[in-house]
């Protein structure tokens, strides 16, 4: 799963993630070993890709390596 993750200094605060394309979502999920995930809708050309990005604001100890990272799915193609 680490292939999904992009480095970020923190959600919406990194040169690697364009904050202007993210809109906070009210959706959350819970993973027993990572913790509670928060989501963003990805906004492109005025259209929302709902809950297409997620992150763990305070991951559990077992998942500390994903702190400060944002993951993408739902057809999102990340280009460097």
C-alpha atoms as a PDB file:
ATOM      1  CA  UNK A   1       0.000   0.000   0.000  1.00  0.00           C
ATOM      2  CA  UNK A   2       2.920   2.400   0.453  1.00  0.00           C
ATOM      3  CA  UNK A   3       2.823   3.035  -3.303  1.00  0.00           C
ATOM      4  CA  UNK A   4      -0.271   5.165  -2.738  1.00  0.00           C
ATOM      5  CA  UNK A   5       1.411   7.502  -0.283  1.00  0.00           C
ATOM      6  CA  UNK A   6       2.891  10.865  -1.201  1.00  0.00           C
ATOM      7  CA  UNK A   7       5.169  12.773   1.132  1.00  0.00           C
ATOM      8  CA  UNK A   8       3.670  15.846   2.679  1.00  0.00           C
ATOM      9  CA  UNK A   9       4.776  18.092   5.500  1.00  0.00           C
ATOM     10  CA  UNK A  10       1.210  17.821   6.682  1.00  0.00           C
ATOM     11  CA  UNK A  11      -2.109  17.744   4.930  1.00  0.00           C
ATOM     12  CA  UNK A  12      -2.575  20.835   2.789  1.00  0.00           C
ATOM     13  CA  UNK A  13       0.867  22.198   3.656  1.00  0.00           C
ATOM     14  CA  UNK A  14       3.334  20.616   1.260  1.00  0.00           C
ATOM     15  CA  UNK A  15       4.921  21.496  -2.045  1.00  0.00           C
ATOM     16  CA  UNK A  16       4.287  17.869  -3.032  1.00  0.00           C
ATOM     17  CA  UNK A  17       0.513  18.183  -2.663  1.00  0.00           C
ATOM     18  CA  UNK A  18      -1.397  21.024  -4.317  1.00  0.00           C
ATOM     19  CA  UNK A  19      -3.578  22.269  -1.462  1.00  0.00           C
ATOM     20  CA  UNK A  20      -5.806  24.262  -3.801  1.00  0.00           C
ATOM     21  CA  UNK A  21      -7.071  20.967  -5.279  1.00  0.00           C
ATOM     22  CA  UNK A  22      -8.142  19.532  -1.912  1.00  0.00           C
ATOM     23  CA  UNK A  23     -11.416  20.147  -0.117  1.00  0.00           C
ATOM     24  CA  UNK A  24     -11.968  18.679   3.342  1.00  0.00           C
ATOM     25  CA  UNK A  25     -14.489  15.865   3.475  1.00  0.00           C
ATOM     26  CA  UNK A  26     -16.568  14.838   6.461  1.00  0.00           C
ATOM     27  CA  UNK A  27     -15.778  11.179   5.751  1.00  0.00           C
ATOM     28  CA  UNK A  28     -13.605   9.235   8.220  1.00  0.00           C
ATOM     29  CA  UNK A  29     -12.653   5.576   8.537  1.00  0.00           C
ATOM     30  CA  UNK A  30     -10.908   3.627  11.268  1.00  0.00           C
ATOM     31  CA  UNK A  31      -8.117   1.107  10.796  1.00  0.00           C
ATOM     32  CA  UNK A  32      -7.266  -1.010  13.856  1.00  0.00           C
ATOM     33  CA  UNK A  33      -3.514  -0.547  13.419  1.00  0.00           C
ATOM     34  CA  UNK A  34      -3.233   2.852  11.638  1.00  0.00           C
ATOM     35  CA  UNK A  35      -5.944   4.811  13.469  1.00  0.00           C
ATOM     36  CA  UNK A  36      -8.589   7.207  12.162  1.00  0.00           C
ATOM     37  CA  UNK A  37      -8.248   8.439   8.580  1.00  0.00           C
ATOM     38  CA  UNK A  38      -9.527  11.792   7.349  1.00  0.00           C
ATOM     39  CA  UNK A  39     -10.414  12.389   3.705  1.00  0.00           C
ATOM     40  CA  UNK A  40     -10.310  15.083   1.040  1.00  0.00           C
ATOM     41  CA  UNK A  41     -12.360  15.527  -2.100  1.00  0.00           C
ATOM     42  CA  UNK A  42     -10.066  16.228  -5.040  1.00  0.00           C
ATOM     43  CA  UNK A  43     -11.278  19.220  -7.060  1.00  0.00           C
ATOM     44  CA  UNK A  44     -10.256  19.325 -10.743  1.00  0.00           C
ATOM     45  CA  UNK A  45     -11.877  21.479 -13.427  1.00  0.00           C
ATOM     46  CA  UNK A  46     -14.755  22.293 -11.070  1.00  0.00           C
ATOM     47  CA  UNK A  47     -15.587  18.626 -10.479  1.00  0.00           C
ATOM     48  CA  UNK A  48     -15.204  16.719  -7.213  1.00  0.00           C
ATOM     49  CA  UNK A  49     -13.643  13.281  -6.964  1.00  0.00           C
ATOM     50  CA  UNK A  50     -15.226  12.498  -3.588  1.00  0.00           C
ATOM     51  CA  UNK A  51     -12.937  11.165  -0.852  1.00  0.00           C
ATOM     52  CA  UNK A  52     -10.126  10.560  -3.374  1.00  0.00           C
ATOM     53  CA  UNK A  53      -7.353  11.436  -0.908  1.00  0.00           C
ATOM     54  CA  UNK A  54      -6.852  10.418   2.682  1.00  0.00           C
ATOM     55  CA  UNK A  55      -4.394  10.817   5.518  1.00  0.00           C
ATOM     56  CA  UNK A  56      -3.932   9.909   9.157  1.00  0.00           C
ATOM     57  CA  UNK A  57      -3.625  13.106  11.237  1.00  0.00           C
ATOM     58  CA  UNK A  58      -2.349  11.161  14.250  1.00  0.00           C
ATOM     59  CA  UNK A  59      -1.471   7.608  13.225  1.00  0.00           C
ATOM     60  CA  UNK A  60      -0.951   4.929  15.839  1.00  0.00           C
ATOM     61  CA  UNK A  61       2.594   3.890  16.745  1.00  0.00           C
ATOM     62  CA  UNK A  62       2.608   0.949  14.305  1.00  0.00           C
ATOM     63  CA  UNK A  63       1.928   3.371  11.433  1.00  0.00           C
ATOM     64  CA  UNK A  64       4.161   6.282  12.382  1.00  0.00           C
ATOM     65  CA  UNK A  65       5.923   5.950   9.013  1.00  0.00           C
ATOM     66  CA  UNK A  66       2.828   7.363   7.257  1.00  0.00           C
ATOM     67  CA  UNK A  67       2.603  10.494   9.406  1.00  0.00           C
ATOM     68  CA  UNK A  68       2.643  13.568   7.183  1.00  0.00           C
ATOM     69  CA  UNK A  69       1.663  11.640   4.058  1.00  0.00           C
ATOM     70  CA  UNK A  70      -1.404  11.795   1.858  1.00  0.00           C
ATOM     71  CA  UNK A  71      -2.677   8.818  -0.162  1.00  0.00           C
ATOM     72  CA  UNK A  72      -4.734   8.907  -3.366  1.00  0.00           C
ATOM     73  CA  UNK A  73      -7.069   6.481  -5.099  1.00  0.00           C
ATOM     74  CA  UNK A  74     -10.292   6.495  -7.168  1.00  0.00           C
ATOM     75  CA  UNK A  75      -8.479   6.874 -10.466  1.00  0.00           C
ATOM     76  CA  UNK A  76      -6.093   9.613  -9.345  1.00  0.00           C
ATOM     77  CA  UNK A  77      -2.865   9.668 -11.320  1.00  0.00           C
ATOM     78  CA  UNK A  78      -0.036  11.311  -9.409  1.00  0.00           C
ATOM     79  CA  UNK A  79       2.613  12.952 -11.566  1.00  0.00           C
ATOM     80  CA  UNK A  80       5.943  14.208 -10.316  1.00  0.00           C
END
